[in-house]
Amino acid sequence: MDVILASSSPYRQRLLARLQIPFSCIAPEVDETRLPNEAPAAMAGRLALAKARAVARAHPDALVIGSDQVAALGDTVMGKPGGHEIAVTQLRASAGREVRFLTGLALHCASSGFERFHVEPYSVYFRELSDKSINNYLQIEQPYDCAGSFKAEALGISLFTAVNSNDPTSLIGLPLIQLCNLLREFDIEI
């Protein structure tokens, strides 16, 4: 059976490659706009399912993996900054606070009717950050394609005082522990 990752994210691709199962990638066409009054965790789950289902429409016999991550500072959702100014704003807002990263994971096979999803929480506790440290960090790493404006797998770890999670890979964008559990439900043993 074909396995498809419904994502163009190089971060998710590298994570899935760790499992050493053959897979291909297809970018899903999904509107990622937050619904009115939608909780961050609900948004992550909805988008992960939507991505998996969108790719499965064209590939009904494949097992499609969808994932989406939402960074939440309280009820405020922080997207990918796309540039320096928004990244500065996000990191200033995060300084000295907890930011929750909610990673939605969905597996969908249209032909068999198999569908599972899960939302994995990950809490990041930021240290106090000066404007100088924020700008130095952003100039070095330029994490403008990452929700929350940092890369935890690189220098971004220096911005934290602590983290709390059941799965370290969920912060990067694909919770591999839960993915392995769901793959076993579909009779794919890792």
C-alpha atoms as a PDB file:
ATOM      1  CA  MET A   1       0.000   0.000   0.000  1.00  0.00           C
ATOM      2  CA  ASP A   2       1.206   3.487  -0.822  1.00  0.00           C
ATOM      3  CA  VAL A   3       1.800   5.878   2.054  1.00  0.00           C
ATOM      4  CA  ILE A   4       1.473   9.577   1.287  1.00  0.00           C
ATOM      5  CA  LEU A   5       2.434  12.470   3.510  1.00  0.00           C
ATOM      6  CA  ALA A   6      -0.041  15.285   2.822  1.00  0.00           C
ATOM      7  CA  SER A   7       2.544  17.997   3.280  1.00  0.00           C
ATOM      8  CA  SER A   8       5.246  19.970   1.531  1.00  0.00           C
ATOM      9  CA  SER A   9       7.046  20.634   4.838  1.00  0.00           C
ATOM     10  CA  PRO A  10      10.693  19.564   4.728  1.00  0.00           C
ATOM     11  CA  TYR A  11      10.571  19.258   8.543  1.00  0.00           C
ATOM     12  CA  ARG A  12       7.744  16.702   8.417  1.00  0.00           C
ATOM     13  CA  GLN A  13       9.407  14.845   5.556  1.00  0.00           C
ATOM     14  CA  ARG A  14      12.646  14.452   7.538  1.00  0.00           C
ATOM     15  CA  LEU A  15      10.710  13.231  10.573  1.00  0.00           C
ATOM     16  CA  LEU A  16       8.695  10.650   8.621  1.00  0.00           C
ATOM     17  CA  ALA A  17      11.877   9.420   6.913  1.00  0.00           C
ATOM     18  CA  ARG A  18      13.140   8.363  10.372  1.00  0.00           C
ATOM     19  CA  LEU A  19      10.564   5.556  10.361  1.00  0.00           C
ATOM     20  CA  GLN A  20      12.137   4.029   7.238  1.00  0.00           C
ATOM     21  CA  ILE A  21       8.882   3.331   5.444  1.00  0.00           C
ATOM     22  CA  PRO A  22       8.544   4.274   1.771  1.00  0.00           C
ATOM     23  CA  PHE A  23       6.347   7.329   1.255  1.00  0.00           C
ATOM     24  CA  SER A  24       5.676  10.119  -1.179  1.00  0.00           C
ATOM     25  CA  CYS A  25       4.625  13.707  -0.518  1.00  0.00           C
ATOM     26  CA  ILE A  26       1.760  15.673  -1.963  1.00  0.00           C
ATOM     27  CA  ALA A  27       0.941  19.212  -0.887  1.00  0.00           C
ATOM     28  CA  PRO A  28      -2.745  19.413   0.043  1.00  0.00           C
ATOM     29  CA  GLU A  29      -4.950  22.252  -1.133  1.00  0.00           C
ATOM     30  CA  VAL A  30      -6.669  23.257   2.114  1.00  0.00           C
ATOM     31  CA  ASP A  31      -7.873  26.620   3.398  1.00  0.00           C
ATOM     32  CA  GLU A  32      -6.099  27.028   6.742  1.00  0.00           C
ATOM     33  CA  THR A  33      -8.209  29.936   7.962  1.00  0.00           C
ATOM     34  CA  ARG A  34      -9.262  29.660  11.602  1.00  0.00           C
ATOM     35  CA  LEU A  35     -13.020  29.266  12.037  1.00  0.00           C
ATOM     36  CA  PRO A  36     -14.873  31.750  14.267  1.00  0.00           C
ATOM     37  CA  ASN A  37     -14.416  30.876  17.953  1.00  0.00           C
ATOM     38  CA  GLU A  38     -12.418  27.752  17.041  1.00  0.00           C
ATOM     39  CA  ALA A  39     -10.182  26.524  19.841  1.00  0.00           C
ATOM     40  CA  PRO A  40      -6.524  26.033  18.848  1.00  0.00           C
ATOM     41  CA  ALA A  41      -6.610  22.253  19.488  1.00  0.00           C
ATOM     42  CA  ALA A  42      -9.789  21.867  17.436  1.00  0.00           C
ATOM     43  CA  MET A  43      -8.184  23.846  14.634  1.00  0.00           C
ATOM     44  CA  ALA A  44      -5.094  21.591  14.577  1.00  0.00           C
ATOM     45  CA  GLY A  45      -7.229  18.431  14.453  1.00  0.00           C
ATOM     46  CA  ARG A  46      -9.589  19.796  11.803  1.00  0.00           C
ATOM     47  CA  LEU A  47      -6.757  20.897   9.527  1.00  0.00           C
ATOM     48  CA  ALA A  48      -4.845  17.610   9.862  1.00  0.00           C
ATOM     49  CA  LEU A  49      -7.983  15.692   8.849  1.00  0.00           C
ATOM     50  CA  ALA A  50      -8.760  18.118   6.030  1.00  0.00           C
ATOM     51  CA  LYS A  51      -5.263  17.721   4.598  1.00  0.00           C
ATOM     52  CA  ALA A  52      -5.388  13.923   4.716  1.00  0.00           C
ATOM     53  CA  ARG A  53      -8.863  13.814   3.160  1.00  0.00           C
ATOM     54  CA  ALA A  54      -7.931  16.311   0.425  1.00  0.00           C
ATOM     55  CA  VAL A  55      -5.029  14.169  -0.790  1.00  0.00           C
ATOM     56  CA  ALA A  56      -7.021  10.938  -0.358  1.00  0.00           C
ATOM     57  CA  ARG A  57      -9.666  12.150  -2.810  1.00  0.00           C
ATOM     58  CA  ALA A  58      -7.160  11.700  -5.635  1.00  0.00           C
ATOM     59  CA  HIS A  59      -5.501   8.639  -4.024  1.00  0.00           C
ATOM     60  CA  PRO A  60      -8.310   6.599  -2.413  1.00  0.00           C
ATOM     61  CA  ASP A  61      -6.255   3.405  -2.016  1.00  0.00           C
ATOM     62  CA  ALA A  62      -3.347   5.092  -0.253  1.00  0.00           C
ATOM     63  CA  LEU A  63      -2.879   5.639   3.447  1.00  0.00           C
ATOM     64  CA  VAL A  64      -2.579   9.400   3.759  1.00  0.00           C
ATOM     65  CA  ILE A  65      -0.925  11.111   6.712  1.00  0.00           C
ATOM     66  CA  GLY A  66      -2.066  14.660   7.435  1.00  0.00           C
ATOM     67  CA  SER A  67      -0.591  16.965  10.028  1.00  0.00           C
ATOM     68  CA  ASP A  68      -0.993  20.554  11.102  1.00  0.00           C
ATOM     69  CA  GLN A  69       0.499  22.533  13.936  1.00  0.00           C
ATOM     70  CA  VAL A  70      -1.052  25.462  15.768  1.00  0.00           C
ATOM     71  CA  ALA A  71       0.996  27.642  18.107  1.00  0.00           C
ATOM     72  CA  ALA A  72      -1.186  29.211  20.794  1.00  0.00           C
ATOM     73  CA  LEU A  73      -0.342  31.961  23.228  1.00  0.00           C
ATOM     74  CA  GLY A  74      -3.471  31.725  25.371  1.00  0.00           C
ATOM     75  CA  ASP A  75      -6.277  31.787  22.798  1.00  0.00           C
ATOM     76  CA  THR A  76      -4.196  33.724  20.281  1.00  0.00           C
ATOM     77  CA  VAL A  77      -2.996  31.601  17.361  1.00  0.00           C
ATOM     78  CA  MET A  78       0.472  32.467  16.093  1.00  0.00           C
ATOM     79  CA  GLY A  79       1.109  31.438  12.512  1.00  0.00           C
ATOM     80  CA  LYS A  80       4.302  31.355  10.508  1.00  0.00           C
ATOM     81  CA  PRO A  81       5.694  34.878  10.629  1.00  0.00           C
ATOM     82  CA  GLY A  82       6.860  35.067   7.028  1.00  0.00           C
ATOM     83  CA  GLY A  83       9.264  37.895   7.868  1.00  0.00           C
ATOM     84  CA  HIS A  84      11.394  39.619  10.471  1.00  0.00           C
ATOM     85  CA  GLU A  85       8.908  42.155  11.906  1.00  0.00           C
ATOM     86  CA  ILE A  86       6.187  39.618  12.685  1.00  0.00           C
ATOM     87  CA  ALA A  87       8.790  37.216  14.118  1.00  0.00           C
ATOM     88  CA  VAL A  88      10.014  39.958  16.480  1.00  0.00           C
ATOM     89  CA  THR A  89       6.427  40.635  17.555  1.00  0.00           C
ATOM     90  CA  GLN A  90       5.777  36.928  18.198  1.00  0.00           C
ATOM     91  CA  LEU A  91       8.947  36.419  20.224  1.00  0.00           C
ATOM     92  CA  ARG A  92       8.332  39.579  22.279  1.00  0.00           C
ATOM     93  CA  ALA A  93       4.832  38.308  23.091  1.00  0.00           C
ATOM     94  CA  SER A  94       6.189  34.854  24.015  1.00  0.00           C
ATOM     95  CA  ALA A  95       8.952  36.126  26.313  1.00  0.00           C
ATOM     96  CA  GLY A  96       8.505  34.857  29.861  1.00  0.00           C
ATOM     97  CA  ARG A  97       5.368  32.919  28.930  1.00  0.00           C
ATOM     98  CA  GLU A  98       4.096  29.473  27.980  1.00  0.00           C
ATOM     99  CA  VAL A  99       3.276  28.815  24.338  1.00  0.00           C
ATOM    100  CA  ARG A 100       1.332  25.651  23.546  1.00  0.00           C
ATOM    101  CA  PHE A 101       2.014  23.859  20.289  1.00  0.00           C
ATOM    102  CA  LEU A 102      -0.845  21.624  19.261  1.00  0.00           C
ATOM    103  CA  THR A 103       0.031  19.200  16.508  1.00  0.00           C
ATOM    104  CA  GLY A 104      -2.838  17.507  14.743  1.00  0.00           C
ATOM    105  CA  LEU A 105      -2.144  14.110  13.209  1.00  0.00           C
ATOM    106  CA  ALA A 106      -4.556  12.241  10.935  1.00  0.00           C
ATOM    107  CA  LEU A 107      -4.416   8.966   9.032  1.00  0.00           C
ATOM    108  CA  HIS A 108      -7.001   8.391   6.313  1.00  0.00           C
ATOM    109  CA  CYS A 109      -7.577   5.658   3.741  1.00  0.00           C
ATOM    110  CA  ALA A 110     -10.701   6.362   1.698  1.00  0.00           C
ATOM    111  CA  SER A 111     -11.085   2.880   0.179  1.00  0.00           C
ATOM    112  CA  SER A 112     -10.988   1.034   3.513  1.00  0.00           C
ATOM    113  CA  GLY A 113     -12.775   3.687   5.567  1.00  0.00           C
ATOM    114  CA  PHE A 114      -9.875   3.803   8.034  1.00  0.00           C
ATOM    115  CA  GLU A 115      -9.573   7.180   9.707  1.00  0.00           C
ATOM    116  CA  ARG A 116      -7.915   8.191  12.941  1.00  0.00           C
ATOM    117  CA  PHE A 117      -6.763  11.487  14.344  1.00  0.00           C
ATOM    118  CA  HIS A 118      -5.022  12.795  17.411  1.00  0.00           C
ATOM    119  CA  VAL A 119      -3.869  16.173  18.723  1.00  0.00           C
ATOM    120  CA  GLU A 120      -0.555  16.126  20.575  1.00  0.00           C
ATOM    121  CA  PRO A 121       0.144  19.042  22.987  1.00  0.00           C
ATOM    122  CA  TYR A 122       3.601  20.429  23.615  1.00  0.00           C
ATOM    123  CA  SER A 123       4.293  23.302  26.024  1.00  0.00           C
ATOM    124  CA  VAL A 124       7.262  25.601  25.570  1.00  0.00           C
ATOM    125  CA  TYR A 125       8.246  27.967  28.387  1.00  0.00           C
ATOM    126  CA  PHE A 126      10.166  30.959  27.079  1.00  0.00           C
ATOM    127  CA  ARG A 127      12.784  32.789  29.090  1.00  0.00           C
ATOM    128  CA  GLU A 128      12.692  36.572  29.262  1.00  0.00           C
ATOM    129  CA  LEU A 129      14.012  37.851  25.927  1.00  0.00           C
ATOM    130  CA  SER A 130      15.632  41.197  25.241  1.00  0.00           C
ATOM    131  CA  ASP A 131      15.210  42.871  21.882  1.00  0.00           C
ATOM    132  CA  LYS A 132      18.915  42.300  21.282  1.00  0.00           C
ATOM    133  CA  SER A 133      18.646  38.542  21.901  1.00  0.00           C
ATOM    134  CA  ILE A 134      15.525  38.330  19.711  1.00  0.00           C
ATOM    135  CA  ASN A 135      17.192  40.162  16.828  1.00  0.00           C
ATOM    136  CA  ASN A 136      20.439  38.205  17.164  1.00  0.00           C
ATOM    137  CA  TYR A 137      18.524  34.938  17.133  1.00  0.00           C
ATOM    138  CA  LEU A 138      16.413  35.908  14.115  1.00  0.00           C
ATOM    139  CA  GLN A 139      19.420  37.116  12.127  1.00  0.00           C
ATOM    140  CA  ILE A 140      21.223  33.826  12.698  1.00  0.00           C
ATOM    141  CA  GLU A 141      18.370  31.361  12.212  1.00  0.00           C
ATOM    142  CA  GLN A 142      15.719  33.223  10.162  1.00  0.00           C
ATOM    143  CA  PRO A 143      12.872  30.888  11.261  1.00  0.00           C
ATOM    144  CA  TYR A 144      10.273  32.740   9.205  1.00  0.00           C
ATOM    145  CA  ASP A 145       8.632  29.523   7.989  1.00  0.00           C
ATOM    146  CA  CYS A 146       8.029  28.196  11.523  1.00  0.00           C
ATOM    147  CA  ALA A 147       4.996  28.797  13.735  1.00  0.00           C
ATOM    148  CA  GLY A 148       6.106  30.733  16.798  1.00  0.00           C
ATOM    149  CA  SER A 149       9.234  32.100  15.071  1.00  0.00           C
ATOM    150  CA  PHE A 150      11.849  29.553  16.221  1.00  0.00           C
ATOM    151  CA  LYS A 151      13.390  26.202  15.342  1.00  0.00           C
ATOM    152  CA  ALA A 152      13.643  24.026  18.429  1.00  0.00           C
ATOM    153  CA  GLU A 153      15.878  21.531  16.630  1.00  0.00           C
ATOM    154  CA  ALA A 154      18.510  24.246  16.258  1.00  0.00           C
ATOM    155  CA  LEU A 155      19.460  27.451  18.135  1.00  0.00           C
ATOM    156  CA  GLY A 156      15.827  28.129  19.114  1.00  0.00           C
ATOM    157  CA  ILE A 157      16.260  25.824  22.092  1.00  0.00           C
ATOM    158  CA  SER A 158      18.278  28.638  23.707  1.00  0.00           C
ATOM    159  CA  LEU A 159      15.092  30.706  23.984  1.00  0.00           C
ATOM    160  CA  PHE A 160      13.453  28.313  26.488  1.00  0.00           C
ATOM    161  CA  THR A 161      13.563  27.682  30.197  1.00  0.00           C
ATOM    162  CA  ALA A 162      11.686  24.371  29.909  1.00  0.00           C
ATOM    163  CA  VAL A 163       9.474  22.201  27.720  1.00  0.00           C
ATOM    164  CA  ASN A 164       6.762  19.693  28.572  1.00  0.00           C
ATOM    165  CA  SER A 165       5.625  16.954  26.218  1.00  0.00           C
ATOM    166  CA  ASN A 166       5.120  13.239  25.721  1.00  0.00           C
ATOM    167  CA  ASP A 167       6.733  13.338  22.263  1.00  0.00           C
ATOM    168  CA  PRO A 168       9.727  15.519  21.383  1.00  0.00           C
ATOM    169  CA  THR A 169       9.048  15.240  17.644  1.00  0.00           C
ATOM    170  CA  SER A 170       5.645  16.886  17.936  1.00  0.00           C
ATOM    171  CA  LEU A 171       7.233  20.316  18.359  1.00  0.00           C
ATOM    172  CA  ILE A 172       8.934  19.939  14.982  1.00  0.00           C
ATOM    173  CA  GLY A 173       5.590  19.100  13.380  1.00  0.00           C
ATOM    174  CA  LEU A 174       4.924  15.350  13.285  1.00  0.00           C
ATOM    175  CA  PRO A 175       4.402  13.379  16.530  1.00  0.00           C
ATOM    176  CA  LEU A 176       6.180  10.140  15.675  1.00  0.00           C
ATOM    177  CA  ILE A 177       5.235   8.215  18.817  1.00  0.00           C
ATOM    178  CA  GLN A 178       1.534   8.643  18.142  1.00  0.00           C
ATOM    179  CA  LEU A 179       2.069   8.111  14.410  1.00  0.00           C
ATOM    180  CA  CYS A 180       3.643   4.722  15.123  1.00  0.00           C
ATOM    181  CA  ASN A 181       0.653   3.818  17.320  1.00  0.00           C
ATOM    182  CA  LEU A 182      -1.790   4.773  14.561  1.00  0.00           C
ATOM    183  CA  LEU A 183       0.208   2.961  11.876  1.00  0.00           C
ATOM    184  CA  ARG A 184       0.041  -0.218  13.976  1.00  0.00           C
ATOM    185  CA  GLU A 185      -3.758   0.141  14.053  1.00  0.00           C
ATOM    186  CA  PHE A 186      -3.579   0.031  10.250  1.00  0.00           C
ATOM    187  CA  ASP A 187      -1.323  -3.077  10.444  1.00  0.00           C
ATOM    188  CA  ILE A 188       1.870  -1.263   9.509  1.00  0.00           C
ATOM    189  CA  GLU A 189       4.551  -2.284  11.971  1.00  0.00           C
ATOM    190  CA  ILE A 190       7.598  -0.071  12.377  1.00  0.00           C
END
